[in-house]
Amino acid sequence: MKKLLTLVLVLFSLVSFSQSVELTQDELGYVHYKKYYDSTRDVMEKGQYLNGKRVGTWYQYYKTGEVQTVAYFSSDKREGKWRFYNLYNDMVIYAYYNEGRLTKTIQIRNHE
């Protein structure tokens, strides 16, 4: 609980100055995080915290709204298959993580 409070206070201070972070907590205790580009209200990054640690699926977006990264966390450690996309929404890299350690990468070649 102390970690969650610390996280909320740190993120609240970011909201106070930039107005670009939004936090909401659900009935299960997950804190849903969204960070916006300053000049617009377009989402830059979104994900969730549980007990002050990143968990589940996280997304990062280009300013155009296209997905840049799909990432997975387990207790704040990188986990599973991460996907990276270019601006044309083509997947360009897979990265595989196990308990926070990179185990494999695969670069996808575009077929034009």
PDB file of N, CA and C in Angstrom:
ATOM      1  N   MET A   1       0.825  -1.190   0.000  1.00  0.00           N
ATOM      2  CA  MET A   1       0.000   0.000   0.000  1.00  0.00           C
ATOM      3  C   MET A   1       0.873   1.260   0.000  1.00  0.00           C
ATOM      4  N   LYS A   2       1.997   1.193   0.732  1.00  0.00           N
ATOM      5  CA  LYS A   2       2.890   2.345   0.782  1.00  0.00           C
ATOM      6  C   LYS A   2       3.464   2.642  -0.601  1.00  0.00           C
ATOM      7  N   LYS A   3       3.788   1.558  -1.364  1.00  0.00           N
ATOM      8  CA  LYS A   3       4.310   1.751  -2.716  1.00  0.00           C
ATOM      9  C   LYS A   3       3.260   2.380  -3.619  1.00  0.00           C
ATOM     10  N   LEU A   4       2.017   1.947  -3.470  1.00  0.00           N
ATOM     11  CA  LEU A   4       0.942   2.507  -4.274  1.00  0.00           C
ATOM     12  C   LEU A   4       0.762   3.990  -3.973  1.00  0.00           C
ATOM     13  N   LEU A   5       0.806   4.340  -2.716  1.00  0.00           N
ATOM     14  CA  LEU A   5       0.675   5.737  -2.323  1.00  0.00           C
ATOM     15  C   LEU A   5       1.820   6.559  -2.903  1.00  0.00           C
ATOM     16  N   THR A   6       3.031   6.025  -2.839  1.00  0.00           N
ATOM     17  CA  THR A   6       4.188   6.726  -3.411  1.00  0.00           C
ATOM     18  C   THR A   6       3.996   6.925  -4.903  1.00  0.00           C
ATOM     19  N   LEU A   7       3.568   5.866  -5.597  1.00  0.00           N
ATOM     20  CA  LEU A   7       3.325   5.963  -7.030  1.00  0.00           C
ATOM     21  C   LEU A   7       2.274   7.020  -7.335  1.00  0.00           C
ATOM     22  N   VAL A   8       1.193   7.001  -6.616  1.00  0.00           N
ATOM     23  CA  VAL A   8       0.114   7.965  -6.841  1.00  0.00           C
ATOM     24  C   VAL A   8       0.607   9.391  -6.602  1.00  0.00           C
ATOM     25  N   LEU A   9       1.381   9.594  -5.558  1.00  0.00           N
ATOM     26  CA  LEU A   9       1.894  10.937  -5.274  1.00  0.00           C
ATOM     27  C   LEU A   9       2.841  11.418  -6.363  1.00  0.00           C
ATOM     28  N   VAL A  10       3.723  10.532  -6.840  1.00  0.00           N
ATOM     29  CA  VAL A  10       4.654  10.908  -7.903  1.00  0.00           C
ATOM     30  C   VAL A  10       3.881  11.242  -9.176  1.00  0.00           C
ATOM     31  N   LEU A  11       2.952  10.367  -9.557  1.00  0.00           N
ATOM     32  CA  LEU A  11       2.181  10.615 -10.765  1.00  0.00           C
ATOM     33  C   LEU A  11       1.270  11.828 -10.620  1.00  0.00           C
ATOM     34  N   PHE A  12       0.743  12.067  -9.417  1.00  0.00           N
ATOM     35  CA  PHE A  12      -0.079  13.253  -9.179  1.00  0.00           C
ATOM     36  C   PHE A  12       0.738  14.519  -9.394  1.00  0.00           C
ATOM     37  N   SER A  13       1.999  14.502  -8.978  1.00  0.00           N
ATOM     38  CA  SER A  13       2.833  15.683  -9.185  1.00  0.00           C
ATOM     39  C   SER A  13       3.048  15.923 -10.670  1.00  0.00           C
ATOM     40  N   LEU A  14       3.148  14.861 -11.471  1.00  0.00           N
ATOM     41  CA  LEU A  14       3.259  15.029 -12.915  1.00  0.00           C
ATOM     42  C   LEU A  14       1.985  15.645 -13.481  1.00  0.00           C
ATOM     43  N   VAL A  15       0.841  15.190 -12.999  1.00  0.00           N
ATOM     44  CA  VAL A  15      -0.436  15.721 -13.465  1.00  0.00           C
ATOM     45  C   VAL A  15      -0.562  17.196 -13.114  1.00  0.00           C
ATOM     46  N   SER A  16      -0.110  17.561 -11.937  1.00  0.00           N
ATOM     47  CA  SER A  16      -0.236  18.936 -11.487  1.00  0.00           C
ATOM     48  C   SER A  16       0.502  19.902 -12.391  1.00  0.00           C
ATOM     49  N   PHE A  17       1.638  19.486 -12.944  1.00  0.00           N
ATOM     50  CA  PHE A  17       2.447  20.393 -13.741  1.00  0.00           C
ATOM     51  C   PHE A  17       2.145  20.306 -15.230  1.00  0.00           C
ATOM     52  N   SER A  18       1.903  19.104 -15.746  1.00  0.00           N
ATOM     53  CA  SER A  18       1.777  18.979 -17.190  1.00  0.00           C
ATOM     54  C   SER A  18       0.359  18.689 -17.653  1.00  0.00           C
ATOM     55  N   GLN A  19      -0.510  18.244 -16.757  1.00  0.00           N
ATOM     56  CA  GLN A  19      -1.875  17.874 -17.112  1.00  0.00           C
ATOM     57  C   GLN A  19      -1.889  16.819 -18.212  1.00  0.00           C
ATOM     58  N   SER A  20      -0.852  15.947 -18.264  1.00  0.00           N
ATOM     59  CA  SER A  20      -0.798  14.977 -19.342  1.00  0.00           C
ATOM     60  C   SER A  20      -0.873  13.531 -18.840  1.00  0.00           C
ATOM     61  N   VAL A  21      -1.169  13.311 -17.561  1.00  0.00           N
ATOM     62  CA  VAL A  21      -1.282  11.964 -17.011  1.00  0.00           C
ATOM     63  C   VAL A  21      -2.643  11.822 -16.334  1.00  0.00           C
ATOM     64  N   GLU A  22      -3.279  10.682 -16.569  1.00  0.00           N
ATOM     65  CA  GLU A  22      -4.579  10.410 -15.952  1.00  0.00           C
ATOM     66  C   GLU A  22      -4.494   9.075 -15.206  1.00  0.00           C
ATOM     67  N   LEU A  23      -4.984   9.048 -13.979  1.00  0.00           N
ATOM     68  CA  LEU A  23      -4.996   7.835 -13.166  1.00  0.00           C
ATOM     69  C   LEU A  23      -6.414   7.553 -12.692  1.00  0.00           C
ATOM     70  N   THR A  24      -6.819   6.298 -12.804  1.00  0.00           N
ATOM     71  CA  THR A  24      -8.080   5.877 -12.226  1.00  0.00           C
ATOM     72  C   THR A  24      -7.858   4.523 -11.570  1.00  0.00           C
ATOM     73  N   GLN A  25      -8.554   4.279 -10.484  1.00  0.00           N
ATOM     74  CA  GLN A  25      -8.419   3.005  -9.783  1.00  0.00           C
ATOM     75  C   GLN A  25      -9.740   2.251  -9.842  1.00  0.00           C
ATOM     76  N   ASP A  26      -9.653   0.947 -10.143  1.00  0.00           N
ATOM     77  CA  ASP A  26     -10.883   0.157 -10.205  1.00  0.00           C
ATOM     78  C   ASP A  26     -11.116  -0.581  -8.892  1.00  0.00           C
ATOM     79  N   GLU A  27     -12.232  -1.316  -8.830  1.00  0.00           N
ATOM     80  CA  GLU A  27     -12.623  -1.991  -7.593  1.00  0.00           C
ATOM     81  C   GLU A  27     -11.684  -3.138  -7.215  1.00  0.00           C
ATOM     82  N   LEU A  28     -10.852  -3.603  -8.141  1.00  0.00           N
ATOM     83  CA  LEU A  28      -9.898  -4.682  -7.848  1.00  0.00           C
ATOM     84  C   LEU A  28      -8.539  -4.156  -7.379  1.00  0.00           C
ATOM     85  N   GLY A  29      -8.386  -2.838  -7.370  1.00  0.00           N
ATOM     86  CA  GLY A  29      -7.143  -2.235  -6.906  1.00  0.00           C
ATOM     87  C   GLY A  29      -6.157  -1.884  -8.005  1.00  0.00           C
ATOM     88  N   TYR A  30      -6.512  -2.121  -9.258  1.00  0.00           N
ATOM     89  CA  TYR A  30      -5.636  -1.747 -10.367  1.00  0.00           C
ATOM     90  C   TYR A  30      -5.708  -0.241 -10.588  1.00  0.00           C
ATOM     91  N   VAL A  31      -4.562   0.369 -10.788  1.00  0.00           N
ATOM     92  CA  VAL A  31      -4.492   1.785 -11.130  1.00  0.00           C
ATOM     93  C   VAL A  31      -4.242   1.865 -12.627  1.00  0.00           C
ATOM     94  N   HIS A  32      -5.212   2.407 -13.353  1.00  0.00           N
ATOM     95  CA  HIS A  32      -5.110   2.531 -14.805  1.00  0.00           C
ATOM     96  C   HIS A  32      -4.439   3.865 -15.119  1.00  0.00           C
ATOM     97  N   TYR A  33      -3.384   3.783 -15.913  1.00  0.00           N
ATOM     98  CA  TYR A  33      -2.505   4.905 -16.212  1.00  0.00           C
ATOM     99  C   TYR A  33      -2.635   5.257 -17.684  1.00  0.00           C
ATOM    100  N   LYS A  34      -2.802   6.551 -17.975  1.00  0.00           N
ATOM    101  CA  LYS A  34      -2.759   7.052 -19.343  1.00  0.00           C
ATOM    102  C   LYS A  34      -1.913   8.312 -19.367  1.00  0.00           C
ATOM    103  N   LYS A  35      -1.012   8.351 -20.300  1.00  0.00           N
ATOM    104  CA  LYS A  35      -0.192   9.545 -20.512  1.00  0.00           C
ATOM    105  C   LYS A  35      -0.521  10.077 -21.894  1.00  0.00           C
ATOM    106  N   TYR A  36      -0.705  11.412 -21.968  1.00  0.00           N
ATOM    107  CA  TYR A  36      -1.123  12.051 -23.208  1.00  0.00           C
ATOM    108  C   TYR A  36      -0.014  12.926 -23.766  1.00  0.00           C
ATOM    109  N   TYR A  37      -0.029  13.100 -25.086  1.00  0.00           N
ATOM    110  CA  TYR A  37       0.832  14.107 -25.698  1.00  0.00           C
ATOM    111  C   TYR A  37       0.343  15.472 -25.229  1.00  0.00           C
ATOM    112  N   ASP A  38       1.259  16.373 -24.901  1.00  0.00           N
ATOM    113  CA  ASP A  38       0.892  17.662 -24.324  1.00  0.00           C
ATOM    114  C   ASP A  38       0.059  18.537 -25.252  1.00  0.00           C
ATOM    115  N   SER A  39       0.421  18.576 -26.524  1.00  0.00           N
ATOM    116  CA  SER A  39      -0.251  19.498 -27.439  1.00  0.00           C
ATOM    117  C   SER A  39      -1.658  19.024 -27.823  1.00  0.00           C
ATOM    118  N   THR A  40      -1.923  17.741 -27.637  1.00  0.00           N
ATOM    119  CA  THR A  40      -3.240  17.183 -27.956  1.00  0.00           C
ATOM    120  C   THR A  40      -3.670  16.320 -26.780  1.00  0.00           C
ATOM    121  N   ARG A  41      -4.817  15.733 -26.871  1.00  0.00           N
ATOM    122  CA  ARG A  41      -5.232  14.773 -25.847  1.00  0.00           C
ATOM    123  C   ARG A  41      -5.104  13.356 -26.391  1.00  0.00           C
ATOM    124  N   ASP A  42      -4.217  13.170 -27.366  1.00  0.00           N
ATOM    125  CA  ASP A  42      -3.970  11.838 -27.915  1.00  0.00           C
ATOM    126  C   ASP A  42      -3.129  11.039 -26.935  1.00  0.00           C
ATOM    127  N   VAL A  43      -3.472   9.771 -26.779  1.00  0.00           N
ATOM    128  CA  VAL A  43      -2.772   8.905 -25.824  1.00  0.00           C
ATOM    129  C   VAL A  43      -1.370   8.586 -26.326  1.00  0.00           C
ATOM    130  N   MET A  44      -0.391   8.751 -25.445  1.00  0.00           N
ATOM    131  CA  MET A  44       0.996   8.406 -25.721  1.00  0.00           C
ATOM    132  C   MET A  44       1.308   7.005 -25.189  1.00  0.00           C
ATOM    133  N   GLU A  45       0.782   6.713 -23.991  1.00  0.00           N
ATOM    134  CA  GLU A  45       1.068   5.440 -23.338  1.00  0.00           C
ATOM    135  C   GLU A  45      -0.074   5.101 -22.392  1.00  0.00           C
ATOM    136  N   LYS A  46      -0.385   3.800 -22.289  1.00  0.00           N
ATOM    137  CA  LYS A  46      -1.387   3.401 -21.310  1.00  0.00           C
ATOM    138  C   LYS A  46      -1.069   1.996 -20.811  1.00  0.00           C
ATOM    139  N   GLY A  47      -1.470   1.763 -19.556  1.00  0.00           N
ATOM    140  CA  GLY A  47      -1.254   0.471 -18.929  1.00  0.00           C
ATOM    141  C   GLY A  47      -1.849   0.496 -17.537  1.00  0.00           C
ATOM    142  N   GLN A  48      -1.443  -0.458 -16.714  1.00  0.00           N
ATOM    143  CA  GLN A  48      -1.994  -0.502 -15.358  1.00  0.00           C
ATOM    144  C   GLN A  48      -0.937  -0.928 -14.358  1.00  0.00           C
ATOM    145  N   TYR A  49      -1.185  -0.509 -13.134  1.00  0.00           N
ATOM    146  CA  TYR A  49      -0.334  -0.850 -11.988  1.00  0.00           C
ATOM    147  C   TYR A  49      -1.157  -1.652 -10.989  1.00  0.00           C
ATOM    148  N   LEU A  50      -0.487  -2.539 -10.300  1.00  0.00           N
ATOM    149  CA  LEU A  50      -1.072  -3.240  -9.174  1.00  0.00           C
ATOM    150  C   LEU A  50      -0.020  -3.278  -8.088  1.00  0.00           C
ATOM    151  N   ASN A  51      -0.358  -2.771  -6.916  1.00  0.00           N
ATOM    152  CA  ASN A  51       0.597  -2.682  -5.801  1.00  0.00           C
ATOM    153  C   ASN A  51       1.858  -1.921  -6.192  1.00  0.00           C
ATOM    154  N   GLY A  52       1.688  -0.875  -7.012  1.00  0.00           N
ATOM    155  CA  GLY A  52       2.799  -0.006  -7.389  1.00  0.00           C
ATOM    156  C   GLY A  52       3.699  -0.565  -8.477  1.00  0.00           C
ATOM    157  N   LYS A  53       3.319  -1.678  -9.095  1.00  0.00           N
ATOM    158  CA  LYS A  53       4.146  -2.302 -10.131  1.00  0.00           C
ATOM    159  C   LYS A  53       3.355  -2.417 -11.428  1.00  0.00           C
ATOM    160  N   ARG A  54       4.062  -2.221 -12.559  1.00  0.00           N
ATOM    161  CA  ARG A  54       3.418  -2.387 -13.857  1.00  0.00           C
ATOM    162  C   ARG A  54       3.031  -3.857 -14.037  1.00  0.00           C
ATOM    163  N   VAL A  55       1.814  -4.070 -14.516  1.00  0.00           N
ATOM    164  CA  VAL A  55       1.322  -5.422 -14.772  1.00  0.00           C
ATOM    165  C   VAL A  55       0.508  -5.429 -16.061  1.00  0.00           C
ATOM    166  N   GLY A  56       0.428  -6.600 -16.672  1.00  0.00           N
ATOM    167  CA  GLY A  56      -0.424  -6.764 -17.839  1.00  0.00           C
ATOM    168  C   GLY A  56       0.109  -6.093 -19.085  1.00  0.00           C
ATOM    169  N   THR A  57      -0.805  -5.786 -19.982  1.00  0.00           N
ATOM    170  CA  THR A  57      -0.454  -5.228 -21.283  1.00  0.00           C
ATOM    171  C   THR A  57      -0.322  -3.709 -21.209  1.00  0.00           C
ATOM    172  N   TRP A  58       0.751  -3.204 -21.772  1.00  0.00           N
ATOM    173  CA  TRP A  58       0.994  -1.770 -21.883  1.00  0.00           C
ATOM    174  C   TRP A  58       1.118  -1.421 -23.364  1.00  0.00           C
ATOM    175  N   TYR A  59       0.643  -0.239 -23.716  1.00  0.00           N
ATOM    176  CA  TYR A  59       0.686   0.222 -25.102  1.00  0.00           C
ATOM    177  C   TYR A  59       1.390   1.573 -25.162  1.00  0.00           C
ATOM    178  N   GLN A  60       2.175   1.757 -26.225  1.00  0.00           N
ATOM    179  CA  GLN A  60       2.735   3.066 -26.550  1.00  0.00           C
ATOM    180  C   GLN A  60       2.268   3.407 -27.955  1.00  0.00           C
ATOM    181  N   TYR A  61       1.973   4.694 -28.182  1.00  0.00           N
ATOM    182  CA  TYR A  61       1.409   5.135 -29.448  1.00  0.00           C
ATOM    183  C   TYR A  61       2.241   6.258 -30.048  1.00  0.00           C
ATOM    184  N   TYR A  62       2.288   6.286 -31.383  1.00  0.00           N
ATOM    185  CA  TYR A  62       2.841   7.437 -32.088  1.00  0.00           C
ATOM    186  C   TYR A  62       1.837   8.580 -31.976  1.00  0.00           C
ATOM    187  N   LYS A  63       2.279   9.797 -32.293  1.00  0.00           N
ATOM    188  CA  LYS A  63       1.365  10.949 -32.267  1.00  0.00           C
ATOM    189  C   LYS A  63       0.211  10.781 -33.245  1.00  0.00           C
ATOM    190  N   THR A  64       0.400   9.968 -34.256  1.00  0.00           N
ATOM    191  CA  THR A  64      -0.648   9.724 -35.257  1.00  0.00           C
ATOM    192  C   THR A  64      -1.758   8.838 -34.709  1.00  0.00           C
ATOM    193  N   GLY A  65      -1.520   8.210 -33.540  1.00  0.00           N
ATOM    194  CA  GLY A  65      -2.489   7.307 -32.957  1.00  0.00           C
ATOM    195  C   GLY A  65      -2.198   5.846 -33.249  1.00  0.00           C
ATOM    196  N   GLU A  66      -1.249   5.587 -34.140  1.00  0.00           N
ATOM    197  CA  GLU A  66      -0.872   4.213 -34.466  1.00  0.00           C
ATOM    198  C   GLU A  66      -0.094   3.596 -33.303  1.00  0.00           C
ATOM    199  N   VAL A  67      -0.261   2.307 -33.110  1.00  0.00           N
ATOM    200  CA  VAL A  67       0.449   1.600 -32.038  1.00  0.00           C
ATOM    201  C   VAL A  67       1.937   1.543 -32.364  1.00  0.00           C
ATOM    202  N   GLN A  68       2.757   1.876 -31.381  1.00  0.00           N
ATOM    203  CA  GLN A  68       4.207   1.808 -31.516  1.00  0.00           C
ATOM    204  C   GLN A  68       4.745   0.538 -30.856  1.00  0.00           C
ATOM    205  N   THR A  69       4.245   0.227 -29.648  1.00  0.00           N
ATOM    206  CA  THR A  69       4.735  -0.912 -28.887  1.00  0.00           C
ATOM    207  C   THR A  69       3.583  -1.554 -28.125  1.00  0.00           C
ATOM    208  N   VAL A  70       3.569  -2.877 -28.107  1.00  0.00           N
ATOM    209  CA  VAL A  70       2.682  -3.637 -27.242  1.00  0.00           C
ATOM    210  C   VAL A  70       3.604  -4.432 -26.326  1.00  0.00           C
ATOM    211  N   ALA A  71       3.504  -4.166 -25.025  1.00  0.00           N
ATOM    212  CA  ALA A  71       4.438  -4.737 -24.057  1.00  0.00           C
ATOM    213  C   ALA A  71       3.686  -5.434 -22.935  1.00  0.00           C
ATOM    214  N   TYR A  72       4.358  -6.350 -22.282  1.00  0.00           N
ATOM    215  CA  TYR A  72       3.755  -7.096 -21.170  1.00  0.00           C
ATOM    216  C   TYR A  72       4.660  -7.016 -19.954  1.00  0.00           C
ATOM    217  N   PHE A  73       4.029  -6.844 -18.808  1.00  0.00           N
ATOM    218  CA  PHE A  73       4.761  -6.785 -17.544  1.00  0.00           C
ATOM    219  C   PHE A  73       4.146  -7.737 -16.532  1.00  0.00           C
ATOM    220  N   SER A  74       5.007  -8.290 -15.698  1.00  0.00           N
ATOM    221  CA  SER A  74       4.585  -9.094 -14.560  1.00  0.00           C
ATOM    222  C   SER A  74       5.380  -8.602 -13.361  1.00  0.00           C
ATOM    223  N   SER A  75       4.694  -7.997 -12.403  1.00  0.00           N
ATOM    224  CA  SER A  75       5.353  -7.423 -11.215  1.00  0.00           C
ATOM    225  C   SER A  75       6.509  -6.506 -11.591  1.00  0.00           C
ATOM    226  N   ASP A  76       6.266  -5.623 -12.552  1.00  0.00           N
ATOM    227  CA  ASP A  76       7.203  -4.594 -12.998  1.00  0.00           C
ATOM    228  C   ASP A  76       8.382  -5.141 -13.807  1.00  0.00           C
ATOM    229  N   LYS A  77       8.346  -6.410 -14.171  1.00  0.00           N
ATOM    230  CA  LYS A  77       9.403  -7.003 -14.993  1.00  0.00           C
ATOM    231  C   LYS A  77       8.855  -7.259 -16.392  1.00  0.00           C
ATOM    232  N   ARG A  78       9.708  -6.997 -17.398  1.00  0.00           N
ATOM    233  CA  ARG A  78       9.320  -7.302 -18.772  1.00  0.00           C
ATOM    234  C   ARG A  78       9.099  -8.799 -18.885  1.00  0.00           C
ATOM    235  N   GLU A  79       8.025  -9.151 -19.618  1.00  0.00           N
ATOM    236  CA  GLU A  79       7.668 -10.571 -19.690  1.00  0.00           C
ATOM    237  C   GLU A  79       7.021 -10.884 -21.039  1.00  0.00           C
ATOM    238  N   GLY A  80       7.289 -12.060 -21.555  1.00  0.00           N
ATOM    239  CA  GLY A  80       6.608 -12.535 -22.755  1.00  0.00           C
ATOM    240  C   GLY A  80       7.025 -11.831 -24.027  1.00  0.00           C
ATOM    241  N   LYS A  81       6.123 -11.887 -25.020  1.00  0.00           N
ATOM    242  CA  LYS A  81       6.405 -11.339 -26.346  1.00  0.00           C
ATOM    243  C   LYS A  81       6.031  -9.866 -26.421  1.00  0.00           C
ATOM    244  N   TRP A  82       6.997  -9.036 -26.779  1.00  0.00           N
ATOM    245  CA  TRP A  82       6.764  -7.621 -27.032  1.00  0.00           C
ATOM    246  C   TRP A  82       6.744  -7.425 -28.541  1.00  0.00           C
ATOM    247  N   ARG A  83       5.894  -6.502 -28.999  1.00  0.00           N
ATOM    248  CA  ARG A  83       5.789  -6.214 -30.426  1.00  0.00           C
ATOM    249  C   ARG A  83       6.054  -4.734 -30.665  1.00  0.00           C
ATOM    250  N   PHE A  84       6.875  -4.471 -31.656  1.00  0.00           N
ATOM    251  CA  PHE A  84       7.234  -3.102 -32.040  1.00  0.00           C
ATOM    252  C   PHE A  84       6.803  -2.861 -33.474  1.00  0.00           C
ATOM    253  N   TYR A  85       6.152  -1.711 -33.713  1.00  0.00           N
ATOM    254  CA  TYR A  85       5.604  -1.374 -35.019  1.00  0.00           C
ATOM    255  C   TYR A  85       6.219  -0.088 -35.541  1.00  0.00           C
ATOM    256  N   ASN A  86       6.254   0.046 -36.881  1.00  0.00           N
ATOM    257  CA  ASN A  86       6.682   1.311 -37.461  1.00  0.00           C
ATOM    258  C   ASN A  86       5.460   2.212 -37.646  1.00  0.00           C
ATOM    259  N   LEU A  87       5.689   3.389 -38.212  1.00  0.00           N
ATOM    260  CA  LEU A  87       4.591   4.354 -38.391  1.00  0.00           C
ATOM    261  C   LEU A  87       3.508   3.881 -39.358  1.00  0.00           C
ATOM    262  N   TYR A  88       3.812   2.872 -40.159  1.00  0.00           N
ATOM    263  CA  TYR A  88       2.844   2.358 -41.126  1.00  0.00           C
ATOM    264  C   TYR A  88       2.085   1.154 -40.573  1.00  0.00           C
ATOM    265  N   ASN A  89       2.207   0.935 -39.277  1.00  0.00           N
ATOM    266  CA  ASN A  89       1.535  -0.148 -38.574  1.00  0.00           C
ATOM    267  C   ASN A  89       2.030  -1.535 -38.987  1.00  0.00           C
ATOM    268  N   ASP A  90       3.254  -1.589 -39.547  1.00  0.00           N
ATOM    269  CA  ASP A  90       3.888  -2.868 -39.856  1.00  0.00           C
ATOM    270  C   ASP A  90       4.687  -3.311 -38.645  1.00  0.00           C
ATOM    271  N   MET A  91       4.516  -4.565 -38.242  1.00  0.00           N
ATOM    272  CA  MET A  91       5.317  -5.077 -37.137  1.00  0.00           C
ATOM    273  C   MET A  91       6.752  -5.227 -37.630  1.00  0.00           C
ATOM    274  N   VAL A  92       7.701  -4.688 -36.893  1.00  0.00           N
ATOM    275  CA  VAL A  92       9.088  -4.733 -37.334  1.00  0.00           C
ATOM    276  C   VAL A  92       9.988  -5.576 -36.428  1.00  0.00           C
ATOM    277  N   ILE A  93       9.626  -5.725 -35.170  1.00  0.00           N
ATOM    278  CA  ILE A  93      10.456  -6.504 -34.245  1.00  0.00           C
ATOM    279  C   ILE A  93       9.572  -7.211 -33.226  1.00  0.00           C
ATOM    280  N   TYR A  94       9.916  -8.449 -32.963  1.00  0.00           N
ATOM    281  CA  TYR A  94       9.404  -9.180 -31.800  1.00  0.00           C
ATOM    282  C   TYR A  94      10.564  -9.245 -30.808  1.00  0.00           C
ATOM    283  N   ALA A  95      10.278  -9.051 -29.554  1.00  0.00           N
ATOM    284  CA  ALA A  95      11.280  -9.248 -28.501  1.00  0.00           C
ATOM    285  C   ALA A  95      10.655 -10.144 -27.442  1.00  0.00           C
ATOM    286  N   TYR A  96      11.400 -11.106 -26.971  1.00  0.00           N
ATOM    287  CA  TYR A  96      10.902 -12.046 -25.977  1.00  0.00           C
ATOM    288  C   TYR A  96      11.653 -11.839 -24.669  1.00  0.00           C
ATOM    289  N   TYR A  97      10.890 -11.732 -23.575  1.00  0.00           N
ATOM    290  CA  TYR A  97      11.466 -11.509 -22.249  1.00  0.00           C
ATOM    291  C   TYR A  97      11.036 -12.620 -21.301  1.00  0.00           C
ATOM    292  N   ASN A  98      11.930 -12.949 -20.387  1.00  0.00           N
ATOM    293  CA  ASN A  98      11.633 -13.898 -19.322  1.00  0.00           C
ATOM    294  C   ASN A  98      12.169 -13.310 -18.027  1.00  0.00           C
ATOM    295  N   GLU A  99      11.267 -12.999 -17.095  1.00  0.00           N
ATOM    296  CA  GLU A  99      11.618 -12.406 -15.808  1.00  0.00           C
ATOM    297  C   GLU A  99      12.527 -11.181 -15.956  1.00  0.00           C
ATOM    298  N   GLY A 100      12.171 -10.335 -16.913  1.00  0.00           N
ATOM    299  CA  GLY A 100      12.883  -9.078 -17.095  1.00  0.00           C
ATOM    300  C   GLY A 100      14.112  -9.156 -17.984  1.00  0.00           C
ATOM    301  N   ARG A 101      14.468 -10.326 -18.447  1.00  0.00           N
ATOM    302  CA  ARG A 101      15.666 -10.477 -19.275  1.00  0.00           C
ATOM    303  C   ARG A 101      15.280 -10.761 -20.720  1.00  0.00           C
ATOM    304  N   LEU A 102      15.922 -10.062 -21.627  1.00  0.00           N
ATOM    305  CA  LEU A 102      15.700 -10.275 -23.049  1.00  0.00           C
ATOM    306  C   LEU A 102      16.292 -11.629 -23.437  1.00  0.00           C
ATOM    307  N   THR A 103      15.464 -12.489 -24.040  1.00  0.00           N
ATOM    308  CA  THR A 103      15.938 -13.823 -24.411  1.00  0.00           C
ATOM    309  C   THR A 103      16.062 -14.013 -25.917  1.00  0.00           C
ATOM    310  N   LYS A 104      15.315 -13.210 -26.712  1.00  0.00           N
ATOM    311  CA  LYS A 104      15.341 -13.411 -28.156  1.00  0.00           C
ATOM    312  C   LYS A 104      14.723 -12.207 -28.845  1.00  0.00           C
ATOM    313  N   THR A 105      15.245 -11.855 -30.005  1.00  0.00           N
ATOM    314  CA  THR A 105      14.611 -10.830 -30.836  1.00  0.00           C
ATOM    315  C   THR A 105      14.491 -11.368 -32.261  1.00  0.00           C
ATOM    316  N   ILE A 106      13.444 -10.970 -32.921  1.00  0.00           N
ATOM    317  CA  ILE A 106      13.237 -11.333 -34.318  1.00  0.00           C
ATOM    318  C   ILE A 106      12.867 -10.068 -35.063  1.00  0.00           C
ATOM    319  N   GLN A 107      13.636  -9.745 -36.102  1.00  0.00           N
ATOM    320  CA  GLN A 107      13.325  -8.593 -36.929  1.00  0.00           C
ATOM    321  C   GLN A 107      12.513  -9.077 -38.130  1.00  0.00           C
ATOM    322  N   ILE A 108      11.410  -8.404 -38.385  1.00  0.00           N
ATOM    323  CA  ILE A 108      10.516  -8.757 -39.484  1.00  0.00           C
ATOM    324  C   ILE A 108      10.894  -7.936 -40.703  1.00  0.00           C
ATOM    325  N   ARG A 109      11.081  -8.584 -41.821  1.00  0.00           N
ATOM    326  CA  ARG A 109      11.374  -7.889 -43.068  1.00  0.00           C
ATOM    327  C   ARG A 109      10.062  -7.633 -43.820  1.00  0.00           C
ATOM    328  N   ASN A 110       9.901  -6.410 -44.271  1.00  0.00           N
ATOM    329  CA  ASN A 110       8.691  -6.064 -45.017  1.00  0.00           C
ATOM    330  C   ASN A 110       8.775  -6.642 -46.419  1.00  0.00           C
ATOM    331  N   HIS A 111       7.663  -7.157 -46.918  1.00  0.00           N
ATOM    332  CA  HIS A 111       7.577  -7.694 -48.270  1.00  0.00           C
ATOM    333  C   HIS A 111       6.790  -6.719 -49.119  1.00  0.00           C
ATOM    334  N   GLU A 112       7.452  -6.013 -49.975  1.00  0.00           N
ATOM    335  CA  GLU A 112       6.765  -5.023 -50.811  1.00  0.00           C
ATOM    336  C   GLU A 112       6.696  -5.482 -52.233  1.00  0.00           C
TER     337      GLU A 112
END
